[in-house]
PDB file of N, CA and C in Angstrom:
ATOM      1  N   MET A   1     -20.164 -24.471  -4.268  1.00  0.00           N
ATOM      2  CA  MET A   1     -20.084 -24.122  -5.621  1.00  0.00           C
ATOM      3  C   MET A   1     -19.244 -23.698  -6.189  1.00  0.00           C
ATOM      4  N   ASN A   2     -20.309 -24.025  -7.548  1.00  0.00           N
ATOM      5  CA  ASN A   2     -19.587 -24.164  -8.574  1.00  0.00           C
ATOM      6  C   ASN A   2     -18.007 -23.261  -8.813  1.00  0.00           C
ATOM      7  N   SER A   3     -16.939 -24.166  -9.959  1.00  0.00           N
ATOM      8  CA  SER A   3     -16.291 -22.899 -10.404  1.00  0.00           C
ATOM      9  C   SER A   3     -16.191 -21.696 -10.885  1.00  0.00           C
ATOM     10  N   LEU A   4     -17.369 -21.440 -11.399  1.00  0.00           N
ATOM     11  CA  LEU A   4     -17.952 -19.612 -11.891  1.00  0.00           C
ATOM     12  C   LEU A   4     -18.007 -18.983 -10.597  1.00  0.00           C
ATOM     13  N   SER A   5     -18.745 -19.755  -9.961  1.00  0.00           N
ATOM     14  CA  SER A   5     -18.733 -18.941  -8.705  1.00  0.00           C
ATOM     15  C   SER A   5     -17.545 -18.663  -8.160  1.00  0.00           C
ATOM     16  N   ASN A   6     -16.387 -19.441  -7.516  1.00  0.00           N
ATOM     17  CA  ASN A   6     -15.533 -19.482  -7.478  1.00  0.00           C
ATOM     18  C   ASN A   6     -14.848 -18.345  -7.431  1.00  0.00           C
ATOM     19  N   LEU A   7     -14.437 -18.080  -9.569  1.00  0.00           N
ATOM     20  CA  LEU A   7     -13.861 -17.703  -9.518  1.00  0.00           C
ATOM     21  C   LEU A   7     -14.574 -16.157  -9.010  1.00  0.00           C
ATOM     22  N   HIS A   8     -16.065 -15.890  -9.401  1.00  0.00           N
ATOM     23  CA  HIS A   8     -16.330 -14.822  -8.710  1.00  0.00           C
ATOM     24  C   HIS A   8     -15.669 -13.960  -7.591  1.00  0.00           C
ATOM     25  N   HIS A   9     -16.742 -14.677  -6.625  1.00  0.00           N
ATOM     26  CA  HIS A   9     -15.863 -14.985  -5.451  1.00  0.00           C
ATOM     27  C   HIS A   9     -14.359 -14.671  -4.942  1.00  0.00           C
ATOM     28  N   ALA A  10     -13.359 -15.144  -5.925  1.00  0.00           N
ATOM     29  CA  ALA A  10     -11.380 -14.698  -5.780  1.00  0.00           C
ATOM     30  C   ALA A  10     -11.302 -13.389  -5.896  1.00  0.00           C
ATOM     31  N   SER A  11     -12.025 -13.392  -7.349  1.00  0.00           N
ATOM     32  CA  SER A  11     -12.027 -11.755  -8.034  1.00  0.00           C
ATOM     33  C   SER A  11     -12.936 -10.470  -7.238  1.00  0.00           C
ATOM     34  N   ASP A  12     -13.959 -10.861  -6.512  1.00  0.00           N
ATOM     35  CA  ASP A  12     -13.895 -10.148  -5.413  1.00  0.00           C
ATOM     36  C   ASP A  12     -13.470  -9.666  -3.734  1.00  0.00           C
ATOM     37  N   LYS A  13     -12.686 -10.204  -3.730  1.00  0.00           N
ATOM     38  CA  LYS A  13     -12.176 -10.922  -3.107  1.00  0.00           C
ATOM     39  C   LYS A  13     -10.667 -10.021  -3.512  1.00  0.00           C
ATOM     40  N   GLN A  14      -9.960 -10.245  -4.091  1.00  0.00           N
ATOM     41  CA  GLN A  14      -9.063  -9.602  -4.260  1.00  0.00           C
ATOM     42  C   GLN A  14      -9.577  -8.012  -5.087  1.00  0.00           C
ATOM     43  N   ILE A  15     -10.532  -7.667  -5.474  1.00  0.00           N
ATOM     44  CA  ILE A  15     -11.037  -5.921  -5.848  1.00  0.00           C
ATOM     45  C   ILE A  15     -11.300  -5.339  -4.374  1.00  0.00           C
ATOM     46  N   TRP A  16     -11.619  -6.001  -3.707  1.00  0.00           N
ATOM     47  CA  TRP A  16     -11.995  -5.478  -2.435  1.00  0.00           C
ATOM     48  C   TRP A  16     -10.133  -5.519  -1.493  1.00  0.00           C
ATOM     49  N   GLN A  17      -9.543  -5.941  -1.414  1.00  0.00           N
ATOM     50  CA  GLN A  17      -7.745  -6.099  -0.525  1.00  0.00           C
ATOM     51  C   GLN A  17      -7.787  -4.623  -1.631  1.00  0.00           C
ATOM     52  N   ARG A  18      -7.592  -4.647  -2.600  1.00  0.00           N
ATOM     53  CA  ARG A  18      -6.578  -3.854  -3.527  1.00  0.00           C
ATOM     54  C   ARG A  18      -7.841  -1.949  -3.222  1.00  0.00           C
ATOM     55  N   LEU A  19      -8.887  -2.257  -2.998  1.00  0.00           N
ATOM     56  CA  LEU A  19      -9.252  -1.003  -2.679  1.00  0.00           C
ATOM     57  C   LEU A  19      -9.368  -0.454  -1.181  1.00  0.00           C
ATOM     58  N   ARG A  20      -9.574  -2.183  -0.009  1.00  0.00           N
ATOM     59  CA  ARG A  20      -8.922  -1.434   0.801  1.00  0.00           C
ATOM     60  C   ARG A  20      -8.060  -0.780   0.981  1.00  0.00           C
ATOM     61  N   GLN A  21      -6.946  -1.509   0.172  1.00  0.00           N
ATOM     62  CA  GLN A  21      -5.763  -1.129   0.418  1.00  0.00           C
ATOM     63  C   GLN A  21      -5.501   0.762  -0.209  1.00  0.00           C
ATOM     64  N   ALA A  22      -5.998   0.992  -1.252  1.00  0.00           N
ATOM     65  CA  ALA A  22      -5.875   2.199  -1.773  1.00  0.00           C
ATOM     66  C   ALA A  22      -6.179   3.309  -0.837  1.00  0.00           C
ATOM     67  N   ILE A  23      -7.710   3.041  -0.159  1.00  0.00           N
ATOM     68  CA  ILE A  23      -8.347   3.635   0.555  1.00  0.00           C
ATOM     69  C   ILE A  23      -7.527   4.196   1.745  1.00  0.00           C
ATOM     70  N   ALA A  24      -6.977   2.611   2.234  1.00  0.00           N
ATOM     71  CA  ALA A  24      -5.877   3.068   3.613  1.00  0.00           C
ATOM     72  C   ALA A  24      -4.749   3.922   3.053  1.00  0.00           C
ATOM     73  N   ALA A  25      -4.560   3.912   2.096  1.00  0.00           N
ATOM     74  CA  ALA A  25      -3.148   4.794   2.197  1.00  0.00           C
ATOM     75  C   ALA A  25      -3.900   6.241   1.222  1.00  0.00           C
ATOM     76  N   SER A  26      -5.042   6.402   1.496  1.00  0.00           N
ATOM     77  CA  SER A  26      -5.319   7.902   1.039  1.00  0.00           C
ATOM     78  C   SER A  26      -5.255   8.740   1.899  1.00  0.00           C
ATOM     79  N   SER A  27      -4.748  10.215   2.040  1.00  0.00           N
ATOM     80  CA  SER A  27      -4.725  11.078   3.246  1.00  0.00           C
ATOM     81  C   SER A  27      -5.893  11.493   4.149  1.00  0.00           C
ATOM     82  N   GLY A  28      -7.484  11.134   3.401  1.00  0.00           N
ATOM     83  CA  GLY A  28      -8.666  11.212   3.821  1.00  0.00           C
ATOM     84  C   GLY A  28      -8.503   9.931   5.116  1.00  0.00           C
ATOM     85  N   PHE A  29      -8.400   8.797   4.262  1.00  0.00           N
ATOM     86  CA  PHE A  29      -8.865   7.863   5.497  1.00  0.00           C
ATOM     87  C   PHE A  29      -7.925   8.029   6.658  1.00  0.00           C
ATOM     88  N   LYS A  30      -6.715   8.992   6.538  1.00  0.00           N
ATOM     89  CA  LYS A  30      -5.630   8.283   7.177  1.00  0.00           C
ATOM     90  C   LYS A  30      -6.230  10.492   8.589  1.00  0.00           C
ATOM     91  N   ARG A  31      -6.349  11.092   8.087  1.00  0.00           N
ATOM     92  CA  ARG A  31      -7.301  11.670   8.691  1.00  0.00           C
ATOM     93  C   ARG A  31      -8.258  11.512   9.356  1.00  0.00           C
ATOM     94  N   TRP A  32      -9.201  11.086   8.730  1.00  0.00           N
ATOM     95  CA  TRP A  32      -9.956  10.329   9.978  1.00  0.00           C
ATOM     96  C   TRP A  32      -9.552   9.070  10.844  1.00  0.00           C
ATOM     97  N   GLN A  33      -8.537   8.734  10.852  1.00  0.00           N
ATOM     98  CA  GLN A  33      -8.132   7.697  11.576  1.00  0.00           C
ATOM     99  C   GLN A  33      -7.859   8.541  13.148  1.00  0.00           C
ATOM    100  N   ARG A  34      -7.241   9.714  12.804  1.00  0.00           N
ATOM    101  CA  ARG A  34      -6.551  10.605  13.434  1.00  0.00           C
ATOM    102  C   ARG A  34      -7.696  11.148  14.213  1.00  0.00           C
ATOM    103  N   GLN A  35      -8.355  11.654  13.623  1.00  0.00           N
ATOM    104  CA  GLN A  35      -9.834  11.698  14.486  1.00  0.00           C
ATOM    105  C   GLN A  35     -10.011  11.259  15.620  1.00  0.00           C
ATOM    106  N   GLN A  36     -10.411   9.919  15.005  1.00  0.00           N
ATOM    107  CA  GLN A  36     -11.327   8.357  15.301  1.00  0.00           C
ATOM    108  C   GLN A  36     -10.040   8.554  16.916  1.00  0.00           C
ATOM    109  N   GLY A  37      -9.352   8.560  17.003  1.00  0.00           N
ATOM    110  CA  GLY A  37      -8.699   8.871  18.147  1.00  0.00           C
ATOM    111  C   GLY A  37      -8.385   6.964  18.371  1.00  0.00           C
ATOM    112  N   ASP A  38      -8.416   7.023  19.514  1.00  0.00           N
ATOM    113  CA  ASP A  38      -8.895   5.805  20.437  1.00  0.00           C
ATOM    114  C   ASP A  38     -10.566   5.744  20.802  1.00  0.00           C
ATOM    115  N   SER A  39     -11.229   6.289  20.114  1.00  0.00           N
ATOM    116  CA  SER A  39     -12.734   6.154  20.097  1.00  0.00           C
ATOM    117  C   SER A  39     -13.472   5.362  18.681  1.00  0.00           C
ATOM    118  N   SER A  40     -12.325   5.382  18.178  1.00  0.00           N
ATOM    119  CA  SER A  40     -12.897   4.209  17.087  1.00  0.00           C
ATOM    120  C   SER A  40     -13.977   3.426  17.489  1.00  0.00           C
ATOM    121  N   SER A  41     -14.702   2.839  16.738  1.00  0.00           N
ATOM    122  CA  SER A  41     -14.844   1.249  17.124  1.00  0.00           C
ATOM    123  C   SER A  41     -14.325  -0.148  16.651  1.00  0.00           C
ATOM    124  N   ALA A  42     -13.884   0.572  15.717  1.00  0.00           N
ATOM    125  CA  ALA A  42     -12.947  -0.481  15.325  1.00  0.00           C
ATOM    126  C   ALA A  42     -11.039  -0.824  15.822  1.00  0.00           C
ATOM    127  N   SER A  43     -10.634  -1.812  16.094  1.00  0.00           N
ATOM    128  CA  SER A  43      -9.756  -2.046  16.433  1.00  0.00           C
ATOM    129  C   SER A  43      -8.681  -1.854  15.689  1.00  0.00           C
ATOM    130  N   LYS A  44      -7.622  -0.746  16.543  1.00  0.00           N
ATOM    131  CA  LYS A  44      -6.007  -0.703  15.192  1.00  0.00           C
ATOM    132  C   LYS A  44      -6.088  -1.556  14.553  1.00  0.00           C
ATOM    133  N   GLY A  45      -5.811  -3.044  14.627  1.00  0.00           N
ATOM    134  CA  GLY A  45      -5.344  -4.098  13.813  1.00  0.00           C
ATOM    135  C   GLY A  45      -6.671  -4.203  13.002  1.00  0.00           C
ATOM    136  N   ASP A  46      -7.912  -3.669  12.855  1.00  0.00           N
ATOM    137  CA  ASP A  46      -8.876  -4.048  12.019  1.00  0.00           C
ATOM    138  C   ASP A  46      -8.935  -3.342  10.906  1.00  0.00           C
ATOM    139  N   ILE A  47      -7.703  -3.131  10.061  1.00  0.00           N
ATOM    140  CA  ILE A  47      -8.163  -2.522   8.619  1.00  0.00           C
ATOM    141  C   ILE A  47      -9.400  -2.820   8.261  1.00  0.00           C
ATOM    142  N   ASP A  48     -10.045  -4.349   7.891  1.00  0.00           N
ATOM    143  CA  ASP A  48     -11.193  -3.639   7.278  1.00  0.00           C
ATOM    144  C   ASP A  48     -12.202  -3.166   7.721  1.00  0.00           C
ATOM    145  N   ALA A  49     -12.737  -3.581   9.247  1.00  0.00           N
ATOM    146  CA  ALA A  49     -13.869  -2.550  10.142  1.00  0.00           C
ATOM    147  C   ALA A  49     -13.294  -1.081  10.296  1.00  0.00           C
ATOM    148  N   GLN A  50     -11.731  -0.792   9.676  1.00  0.00           N
ATOM    149  CA  GLN A  50     -11.874   0.774  10.372  1.00  0.00           C
ATOM    150  C   GLN A  50     -12.262   1.513   8.345  1.00  0.00           C
ATOM    151  N   VAL A  51     -12.211   0.659   7.578  1.00  0.00           N
ATOM    152  CA  VAL A  51     -11.931   1.199   6.396  1.00  0.00           C
ATOM    153  C   VAL A  51     -13.524   1.208   5.905  1.00  0.00           C
ATOM    154  N   CYS A  52     -14.466  -0.230   6.737  1.00  0.00           N
ATOM    155  CA  CYS A  52     -15.596  -0.492   6.612  1.00  0.00           C
ATOM    156  C   CYS A  52     -15.991   1.280   7.195  1.00  0.00           C
ATOM    157  N   ALA A  53     -15.861   1.491   8.475  1.00  0.00           N
ATOM    158  CA  ALA A  53     -16.524   2.825   8.991  1.00  0.00           C
ATOM    159  C   ALA A  53     -16.330   3.853   8.579  1.00  0.00           C
ATOM    160  N   TYR A  54     -14.754   4.155   7.500  1.00  0.00           N
ATOM    161  CA  TYR A  54     -15.130   5.326   6.873  1.00  0.00           C
ATOM    162  C   TYR A  54     -15.983   4.947   6.266  1.00  0.00           C
ATOM    163  N   LEU A  55     -16.174   4.394   5.258  1.00  0.00           N
ATOM    164  CA  LEU A  55     -16.756   4.073   4.045  1.00  0.00           C
ATOM    165  C   LEU A  55     -18.204   4.631   4.269  1.00  0.00           C
ATOM    166  N   ARG A  56     -18.356   3.790   5.210  1.00  0.00           N
ATOM    167  CA  ARG A  56     -19.979   4.122   5.875  1.00  0.00           C
ATOM    168  C   ARG A  56     -20.232   5.903   6.282  1.00  0.00           C
ATOM    169  N   GLU A  57     -19.521   6.307   6.760  1.00  0.00           N
ATOM    170  CA  GLU A  57     -19.589   7.468   7.761  1.00  0.00           C
ATOM    171  C   GLU A  57     -19.247   8.761   6.451  1.00  0.00           C
ATOM    172  N   THR A  58     -18.397   8.237   5.032  1.00  0.00           N
ATOM    173  CA  THR A  58     -18.154   9.303   4.437  1.00  0.00           C
ATOM    174  C   THR A  58     -19.336   8.761   2.933  1.00  0.00           C
ATOM    175  N   LEU A  59     -20.049   8.094   3.296  1.00  0.00           N
ATOM    176  CA  LEU A  59     -21.481   8.107   2.338  1.00  0.00           C
ATOM    177  C   LEU A  59     -22.532   8.940   3.127  1.00  0.00           C
ATOM    178  N   ASP A  60     -22.957   8.371   4.270  1.00  0.00           N
ATOM    179  CA  ASP A  60     -23.261   9.003   4.908  1.00  0.00           C
ATOM    180  C   ASP A  60     -22.870  10.406   5.160  1.00  0.00           C
ATOM    181  N   THR A  61     -22.397  11.291   5.599  1.00  0.00           N
ATOM    182  CA  THR A  61     -22.115  12.496   5.168  1.00  0.00           C
ATOM    183  C   THR A  61     -22.417  13.427   3.553  1.00  0.00           C
ATOM    184  N   LEU A  62     -21.986  12.485   2.522  1.00  0.00           N
ATOM    185  CA  LEU A  62     -22.567  12.833   1.240  1.00  0.00           C
ATOM    186  C   LEU A  62     -24.314  12.433   1.174  1.00  0.00           C
ATOM    187  N   ALA A  63     -24.412  12.019   1.914  1.00  0.00           N
ATOM    188  CA  ALA A  63     -26.030  11.470   1.446  1.00  0.00           C
ATOM    189  C   ALA A  63     -27.139  12.619   2.185  1.00  0.00           C
ATOM    190  N   TYR A  64     -26.697  13.134   3.249  1.00  0.00           N
ATOM    191  CA  TYR A  64     -26.311  14.220   4.005  1.00  0.00           C
ATOM    192  C   TYR A  64     -26.842  15.600   3.217  1.00  0.00           C
TER     193      TYR A  64
END
């Protein structure tokens, strides 16, 4: 990758980290986590997977 690509990649990664933190701190995400209980496909320690699953379900609901 060239330096411009590296810069964009670093910027994208930083944006995702901040977005993930904001989503994980939201009341909607916390409520979703409680509703998932042990049936969550994502392990408790994998916040990336949990946030992705939450966003997928939320977008599916909105699209319906």
